[in-house]
Protein backbone atom coordinates (compact mmCIF):
# COMPACT_ATOMS: atom_id res chain seq x y z
CA MET A 1 9.68 -12.30 -23.18
CA GLY A 2 7.46 -12.73 -20.19
CA ARG A 3 7.83 -13.76 -16.87
CA PRO A 4 9.39 -17.11 -15.96
CA ARG A 5 6.94 -19.67 -15.22
CA SER A 6 8.23 -20.04 -11.64
CA LEU A 7 8.27 -16.60 -10.73
CA GLY A 8 4.53 -16.23 -11.79
CA ARG A 9 3.07 -18.56 -9.21
CA ASN A 10 4.35 -16.67 -6.37
CA ASP A 11 3.01 -13.21 -7.72
CA VAL A 12 -0.04 -12.79 -5.68
CA VAL A 13 -1.60 -10.19 -8.51
CA LEU A 14 -1.64 -13.00 -11.03
CA ASN A 15 -2.54 -15.59 -8.44
CA PRO A 16 -4.47 -13.82 -5.44
CA GLU A 17 -6.36 -17.11 -4.34
CA GLY A 18 -3.97 -17.91 -1.42
CA LEU A 19 -5.54 -14.84 -0.05
CA ARG A 20 -9.07 -15.93 0.01
CA GLY A 21 -10.62 -16.13 3.59
CA THR A 22 -7.97 -13.83 5.07
CA GLN A 23 -8.78 -10.58 6.23
CA LEU A 24 -7.24 -8.05 4.14
CA TYR A 25 -6.45 -4.06 4.71
CA LEU A 26 -4.70 -2.18 1.88
CA SER A 27 -3.72 1.28 1.97
CA ALA A 28 -1.32 3.77 0.07
CA ALA A 29 -1.48 7.41 -0.83
CA ASN A 30 0.06 9.08 -4.12
CA GLY A 31 3.18 10.29 -3.23
CA GLU A 32 2.12 14.13 -3.03
CA ILE A 33 3.83 15.81 0.01
CA THR A 34 1.59 16.80 2.75
CA ASN A 35 1.46 20.34 4.53
CA GLY A 36 2.53 18.03 7.74
CA GLU A 37 5.30 16.43 5.70
CA VAL A 38 6.90 19.42 4.46
CA ALA A 39 7.65 20.24 8.05
CA TYR A 40 8.90 16.55 8.52
CA TYR A 41 11.50 16.89 5.68
CA ALA A 42 12.44 20.41 6.42
CA ASP A 43 15.68 19.30 8.00
CA LYS A 44 16.09 16.43 5.81
CA GLU A 45 17.96 16.00 2.70
CA ILE A 46 15.77 16.56 -0.31
CA THR A 47 16.51 12.96 -1.57
CA ASP A 48 14.75 11.76 1.47
CA GLN A 49 11.54 13.75 0.16
CA ILE A 50 11.93 12.79 -3.35
CA THR A 51 12.35 8.98 -2.42
CA GLY A 52 9.54 9.15 0.22
CA SER A 53 7.33 10.47 -2.80
CA LEU A 54 8.81 8.21 -5.23
CA LEU A 55 8.42 4.90 -3.14
CA GLU A 56 4.76 5.57 -1.97
CA ALA A 57 3.78 6.50 -5.83
CA GLY A 58 5.22 3.23 -6.50
CA SER A 59 3.42 1.41 -3.59
CA ARG A 60 0.34 3.04 -4.59
CA HIS A 61 0.62 1.45 -8.29
CA CYS A 62 1.08 -2.20 -6.65
CA THR A 63 -1.49 -1.57 -4.15
CA GLU A 64 -3.81 -0.84 -7.00
CA ASN A 65 -2.86 -3.58 -8.82
CA LEU A 66 -3.65 -6.05 -6.18
CA SER A 67 -6.75 -4.41 -5.36
CA VAL A 68 -8.21 -4.73 -8.94
CA ALA A 69 -6.62 -8.80 -9.04
CA LEU A 70 -8.66 -9.39 -5.56
CA THR A 71 -11.80 -7.93 -6.58
CA LYS A 72 -11.55 -9.62 -10.05
CA SER A 73 -11.15 -12.86 -7.96
CA GLY A 74 -14.22 -12.06 -5.62
CA ILE A 75 -11.89 -11.69 -2.88
CA GLU A 76 -12.90 -9.52 0.06
CA HIS A 77 -10.67 -6.89 0.66
CA THR A 78 -10.75 -3.25 2.46
CA THR A 79 -8.61 -0.26 0.65
CA ASP A 80 -7.87 3.13 2.07
CA PHE A 81 -6.73 5.14 -0.71
CA LEU A 82 -5.10 8.59 0.41
CA ASP A 83 -5.13 11.69 -1.74
CA GLN A 84 -1.82 12.61 -0.29
CA GLY A 85 1.36 11.11 1.64
CA ALA A 86 4.56 10.27 1.27
CA HIS A 87 6.13 6.63 1.96
CA GLY A 88 7.04 7.53 5.54
CA TRP A 89 6.06 7.67 9.59
CA PRO A 90 4.12 10.99 9.16
CA MET A 91 1.66 8.94 6.65
CA PHE A 92 2.10 5.49 8.76
CA GLY A 93 1.29 6.82 11.88
CA PRO A 94 -2.02 7.78 11.20
CA GLN A 95 -2.74 4.70 9.43
CA LEU A 96 -1.80 2.36 12.33
CA GLN A 97 -5.65 2.78 13.83
CA PRO A 98 -7.63 2.11 10.42
CA ALA A 99 -5.10 -0.75 9.86
CA TRP A 100 -5.75 -2.26 13.09
CA ASP A 101 -9.31 -1.71 13.12
CA GLY A 102 -9.41 -3.68 9.96
CA ILE A 103 -7.52 -6.73 10.86
CA LYS A 104 -8.12 -6.99 14.94
CA SER A 105 -11.17 -9.03 14.44
CA ALA A 106 -9.23 -11.81 12.64
CA LEU A 107 -6.38 -11.86 15.10
CA GLN A 108 -8.84 -12.28 18.26
């Protein structure tokens, strides 16, 4: 069946050219809960932890696909794939500085 043509033109993985010349920093983890996240999720519903893991695993898959598309198109980008981490602030917080370091020169 495939994707409708109109949707494909807005798919950055299929058409990454619009990102050429943009300073890009991509980061994602694999959804595996870290020791620090065990403490973070200790007083939360188990569904919060499961959701964080699934969201981050999905984000990782999408981010890897984007990185491959960028590489194939010869578009420069920085990737930081983390060995562990769920989708939430315990992982996001430490990533703010590396993300900023990766893009700040484009904003100055």
